[in-house]
Amino acid sequence: MSYELLDGGVYLNTMGAVWFVSYSWYDKVDVTHTNWRKVSTYNNRISVYRRTLSYHTYWLRQIVSMSENNLNKNTIGISGRRIIEMASALLTV
């Protein structure tokens, strides 16, 4: 799925929406959450994550409205429904 139509979407494409939510969860809520480590490129993605702080709230709002079915298509083992729940909760942190 391409996120390039979103503000800063090229960066979200680099990380992936599911990975972004997973790492945000680790960063802000639960340091024991490690699904984001299931991709070999996580070091590069962390670098992008840190450079794009100004987009994070906007992206989380967009992810809450995304299709669960599309979000289900990930390699880190988190359901689309759970990603939406996590994104929603992160908006209140």
N, C-alpha and C. Protein backbone atom coordinates (compact mmCIF):
# COMPACT_ATOMS: atom_id res chain seq x y z
N MET A 1 0.84 -1.17 0.00
CA MET A 1 0.00 0.00 0.00
C MET A 1 0.89 1.24 0.00
N SER A 2 0.51 2.23 -0.78
CA SER A 2 1.28 3.46 -0.87
C SER A 2 0.61 4.56 -0.04
N TYR A 3 1.42 5.27 0.70
CA TYR A 3 0.93 6.36 1.55
C TYR A 3 1.39 7.72 1.03
N GLU A 4 1.86 7.78 -0.20
CA GLU A 4 2.47 8.99 -0.73
C GLU A 4 1.51 10.17 -0.83
N LEU A 5 0.21 9.94 -0.82
CA LEU A 5 -0.74 11.05 -0.88
C LEU A 5 -0.89 11.76 0.46
N LEU A 6 -0.42 11.15 1.51
CA LEU A 6 -0.46 11.76 2.84
C LEU A 6 0.69 12.74 3.01
N ASP A 7 0.52 13.74 3.85
CA ASP A 7 1.64 14.62 4.19
C ASP A 7 2.76 13.76 4.77
N GLY A 8 3.94 13.90 4.23
CA GLY A 8 5.07 13.10 4.68
C GLY A 8 4.95 11.64 4.33
N GLY A 9 4.07 11.32 3.41
CA GLY A 9 3.79 9.94 3.08
C GLY A 9 4.97 9.15 2.55
N VAL A 10 5.90 9.83 1.91
CA VAL A 10 7.08 9.12 1.41
C VAL A 10 7.85 8.49 2.58
N TYR A 11 7.86 9.17 3.72
CA TYR A 11 8.53 8.63 4.90
C TYR A 11 7.73 7.48 5.51
N LEU A 12 6.40 7.63 5.53
CA LEU A 12 5.57 6.55 6.06
C LEU A 12 5.70 5.32 5.17
N ASN A 13 5.83 5.52 3.87
CA ASN A 13 6.08 4.39 2.96
C ASN A 13 7.36 3.67 3.33
N THR A 14 8.38 4.41 3.68
CA THR A 14 9.67 3.82 4.04
C THR A 14 9.54 2.93 5.28
N MET A 15 8.77 3.39 6.24
CA MET A 15 8.60 2.63 7.49
C MET A 15 7.51 1.58 7.39
N GLY A 16 6.40 1.94 6.75
CA GLY A 16 5.20 1.12 6.76
C GLY A 16 4.33 1.52 7.93
N ALA A 17 3.04 1.63 7.70
CA ALA A 17 2.10 2.09 8.73
C ALA A 17 2.08 1.16 9.94
N VAL A 18 2.06 -0.14 9.69
CA VAL A 18 2.00 -1.11 10.78
C VAL A 18 3.28 -1.05 11.61
N TRP A 19 4.42 -1.00 10.94
CA TRP A 19 5.68 -0.89 11.66
C TRP A 19 5.72 0.40 12.47
N PHE A 20 5.28 1.49 11.86
CA PHE A 20 5.25 2.79 12.55
C PHE A 20 4.43 2.72 13.83
N VAL A 21 3.25 2.13 13.77
CA VAL A 21 2.41 2.01 14.97
C VAL A 21 3.08 1.10 15.99
N SER A 22 3.63 0.00 15.54
CA SER A 22 4.30 -0.94 16.45
C SER A 22 5.47 -0.26 17.17
N TYR A 23 6.30 0.46 16.43
CA TYR A 23 7.44 1.12 17.07
C TYR A 23 6.97 2.26 17.97
N SER A 24 5.95 2.97 17.57
CA SER A 24 5.39 4.04 18.41
C SER A 24 4.88 3.47 19.73
N TRP A 25 4.26 2.30 19.64
CA TRP A 25 3.75 1.63 20.85
C TRP A 25 4.92 1.31 21.79
N TYR A 26 5.96 0.75 21.22
CA TYR A 26 7.18 0.46 21.99
C TYR A 26 7.76 1.75 22.59
N ASP A 27 7.83 2.79 21.79
CA ASP A 27 8.45 4.05 22.19
C ASP A 27 7.65 4.79 23.27
N LYS A 28 6.35 4.72 23.21
CA LYS A 28 5.52 5.56 24.09
C LYS A 28 4.70 4.81 25.14
N VAL A 29 4.49 3.51 24.94
CA VAL A 29 3.57 2.79 25.83
C VAL A 29 4.21 1.59 26.52
N ASP A 30 4.87 0.72 25.75
CA ASP A 30 5.29 -0.57 26.31
C ASP A 30 6.63 -1.02 25.72
N VAL A 31 7.69 -0.83 26.47
CA VAL A 31 9.03 -1.19 25.97
C VAL A 31 9.23 -2.70 25.81
N THR A 32 8.29 -3.50 26.27
CA THR A 32 8.40 -4.94 26.06
C THR A 32 7.80 -5.37 24.72
N HIS A 33 7.12 -4.46 24.05
CA HIS A 33 6.53 -4.75 22.73
C HIS A 33 7.65 -4.76 21.69
N THR A 34 7.85 -5.87 21.01
CA THR A 34 9.00 -5.98 20.10
C THR A 34 8.64 -6.45 18.69
N ASN A 35 7.38 -6.44 18.31
CA ASN A 35 7.02 -6.88 16.96
C ASN A 35 7.77 -6.09 15.89
N TRP A 36 8.03 -4.83 16.14
CA TRP A 36 8.73 -3.97 15.17
C TRP A 36 10.11 -4.51 14.82
N ARG A 37 10.68 -5.35 15.66
CA ARG A 37 12.00 -5.92 15.40
C ARG A 37 11.98 -7.08 14.39
N LYS A 38 10.80 -7.48 13.96
CA LYS A 38 10.69 -8.63 13.05
C LYS A 38 11.09 -8.30 11.61
N VAL A 39 11.45 -7.06 11.33
CA VAL A 39 11.94 -6.71 10.00
C VAL A 39 13.43 -6.40 10.10
N SER A 40 14.17 -6.85 9.12
CA SER A 40 15.63 -6.68 9.17
C SER A 40 16.07 -5.23 9.00
N THR A 41 15.19 -4.39 8.47
CA THR A 41 15.54 -2.99 8.20
C THR A 41 15.13 -2.06 9.34
N TYR A 42 14.91 -2.60 10.52
CA TYR A 42 14.38 -1.74 11.58
C TYR A 42 15.30 -0.60 11.97
N ASN A 43 16.62 -0.75 11.86
CA ASN A 43 17.52 0.36 12.21
C ASN A 43 17.29 1.56 11.30
N ASN A 44 17.14 1.33 10.01
CA ASN A 44 16.86 2.41 9.07
C ASN A 44 15.50 3.04 9.38
N ARG A 45 14.52 2.20 9.67
CA ARG A 45 13.17 2.70 9.97
C ARG A 45 13.17 3.55 11.24
N ILE A 46 13.95 3.17 12.23
CA ILE A 46 14.04 3.97 13.45
C ILE A 46 14.60 5.35 13.13
N SER A 47 15.58 5.41 12.27
CA SER A 47 16.15 6.69 11.85
C SER A 47 15.09 7.57 11.20
N VAL A 48 14.29 7.00 10.33
CA VAL A 48 13.21 7.75 9.68
C VAL A 48 12.17 8.18 10.72
N TYR A 49 11.83 7.29 11.62
CA TYR A 49 10.87 7.58 12.69
C TYR A 49 11.32 8.82 13.48
N ARG A 50 12.56 8.86 13.85
CA ARG A 50 13.08 9.97 14.65
C ARG A 50 13.10 11.29 13.88
N ARG A 51 13.29 11.22 12.57
CA ARG A 51 13.33 12.43 11.75
C ARG A 51 11.95 12.97 11.41
N THR A 52 10.91 12.21 11.68
CA THR A 52 9.57 12.58 11.22
C THR A 52 8.58 12.84 12.36
N LEU A 53 9.06 13.22 13.51
CA LEU A 53 8.19 13.41 14.67
C LEU A 53 7.02 14.35 14.38
N SER A 54 7.24 15.35 13.55
CA SER A 54 6.18 16.33 13.28
C SER A 54 4.97 15.71 12.55
N TYR A 55 5.13 14.57 11.93
CA TYR A 55 4.04 13.91 11.21
C TYR A 55 3.29 12.87 12.04
N HIS A 56 3.84 12.46 13.16
CA HIS A 56 3.32 11.29 13.86
C HIS A 56 1.85 11.38 14.23
N THR A 57 1.41 12.47 14.82
CA THR A 57 0.00 12.59 15.21
C THR A 57 -0.89 12.53 13.99
N TYR A 58 -0.52 13.23 12.94
CA TYR A 58 -1.28 13.21 11.69
C TYR A 58 -1.38 11.79 11.15
N TRP A 59 -0.27 11.08 11.09
CA TRP A 59 -0.28 9.71 10.57
C TRP A 59 -1.16 8.80 11.42
N LEU A 60 -1.07 8.93 12.74
CA LEU A 60 -1.91 8.09 13.61
C LEU A 60 -3.38 8.34 13.33
N ARG A 61 -3.76 9.60 13.13
CA ARG A 61 -5.17 9.90 12.80
C ARG A 61 -5.57 9.25 11.48
N GLN A 62 -4.68 9.23 10.52
CA GLN A 62 -4.98 8.61 9.23
C GLN A 62 -5.08 7.09 9.37
N ILE A 63 -4.21 6.51 10.15
CA ILE A 63 -4.18 5.05 10.31
C ILE A 63 -5.45 4.56 10.99
N VAL A 64 -5.99 5.32 11.93
CA VAL A 64 -7.24 4.94 12.60
C VAL A 64 -8.37 4.74 11.59
N SER A 65 -8.31 5.45 10.47
CA SER A 65 -9.35 5.38 9.45
C SER A 65 -9.04 4.38 8.33
N MET A 66 -7.91 3.70 8.40
CA MET A 66 -7.52 2.77 7.34
C MET A 66 -8.27 1.45 7.44
N SER A 67 -8.25 0.72 6.35
CA SER A 67 -8.90 -0.58 6.27
C SER A 67 -8.16 -1.63 7.09
N GLU A 68 -8.90 -2.31 7.95
CA GLU A 68 -8.30 -3.41 8.73
C GLU A 68 -7.70 -4.45 7.79
N ASN A 69 -8.39 -4.74 6.70
CA ASN A 69 -7.92 -5.77 5.77
C ASN A 69 -6.57 -5.39 5.17
N ASN A 70 -6.39 -4.13 4.80
CA ASN A 70 -5.10 -3.70 4.26
C ASN A 70 -4.02 -3.75 5.33
N LEU A 71 -4.36 -3.35 6.54
CA LEU A 71 -3.38 -3.37 7.63
C LEU A 71 -3.03 -4.79 8.04
N ASN A 72 -3.93 -5.74 7.79
CA ASN A 72 -3.66 -7.15 8.10
C ASN A 72 -2.50 -7.69 7.28
N LYS A 73 -2.22 -7.06 6.16
CA LYS A 73 -1.18 -7.54 5.24
C LYS A 73 0.19 -7.05 5.71
N ASN A 74 0.63 -7.56 6.83
CA ASN A 74 1.93 -7.15 7.37
C ASN A 74 2.72 -8.38 7.78
N THR A 75 3.99 -8.19 7.99
CA THR A 75 4.88 -9.32 8.31
C THR A 75 5.31 -9.34 9.77
N ILE A 76 4.72 -8.47 10.58
CA ILE A 76 5.16 -8.43 11.98
C ILE A 76 4.14 -9.01 12.95
N GLY A 77 3.07 -9.59 12.41
CA GLY A 77 2.18 -10.38 13.25
C GLY A 77 1.20 -9.62 14.12
N ILE A 78 0.73 -8.47 13.65
CA ILE A 78 -0.28 -7.71 14.40
C ILE A 78 -1.49 -7.54 13.49
N SER A 79 -2.67 -7.85 14.01
CA SER A 79 -3.88 -7.74 13.19
C SER A 79 -4.18 -6.28 12.87
N GLY A 80 -4.88 -6.07 11.77
CA GLY A 80 -5.29 -4.73 11.40
C GLY A 80 -6.15 -4.08 12.47
N ARG A 81 -7.04 -4.85 13.06
CA ARG A 81 -7.90 -4.32 14.13
C ARG A 81 -7.04 -3.83 15.30
N ARG A 82 -6.04 -4.63 15.68
CA ARG A 82 -5.17 -4.25 16.80
C ARG A 82 -4.34 -3.01 16.45
N ILE A 83 -3.88 -2.90 15.21
CA ILE A 83 -3.12 -1.71 14.80
C ILE A 83 -3.99 -0.46 14.95
N ILE A 84 -5.24 -0.55 14.53
CA ILE A 84 -6.15 0.60 14.66
C ILE A 84 -6.38 0.93 16.12
N GLU A 85 -6.56 -0.09 16.96
CA GLU A 85 -6.72 0.14 18.40
C GLU A 85 -5.49 0.81 19.00
N MET A 86 -4.32 0.34 18.60
CA MET A 86 -3.07 0.91 19.12
C MET A 86 -2.91 2.36 18.65
N ALA A 87 -3.19 2.61 17.38
CA ALA A 87 -3.06 3.97 16.85
C ALA A 87 -4.00 4.91 17.58
N SER A 88 -5.22 4.47 17.82
CA SER A 88 -6.19 5.27 18.55
C SER A 88 -5.72 5.57 19.97
N ALA A 89 -5.20 4.56 20.64
CA ALA A 89 -4.70 4.75 22.00
C ALA A 89 -3.49 5.68 22.02
N LEU A 90 -2.62 5.58 21.00
CA LEU A 90 -1.43 6.44 20.94
C LEU A 90 -1.80 7.91 20.79
N LEU A 91 -2.94 8.19 20.22
CA LEU A 91 -3.39 9.59 20.08
C LEU A 91 -3.70 10.23 21.42
N THR A 92 -3.90 9.41 22.44
CA THR A 92 -4.22 9.95 23.77
C THR A 92 -3.01 9.99 24.70
N VAL A 93 -1.88 9.49 24.21
CA VAL A 93 -0.68 9.44 25.05
C VAL A 93 0.05 10.77 25.00
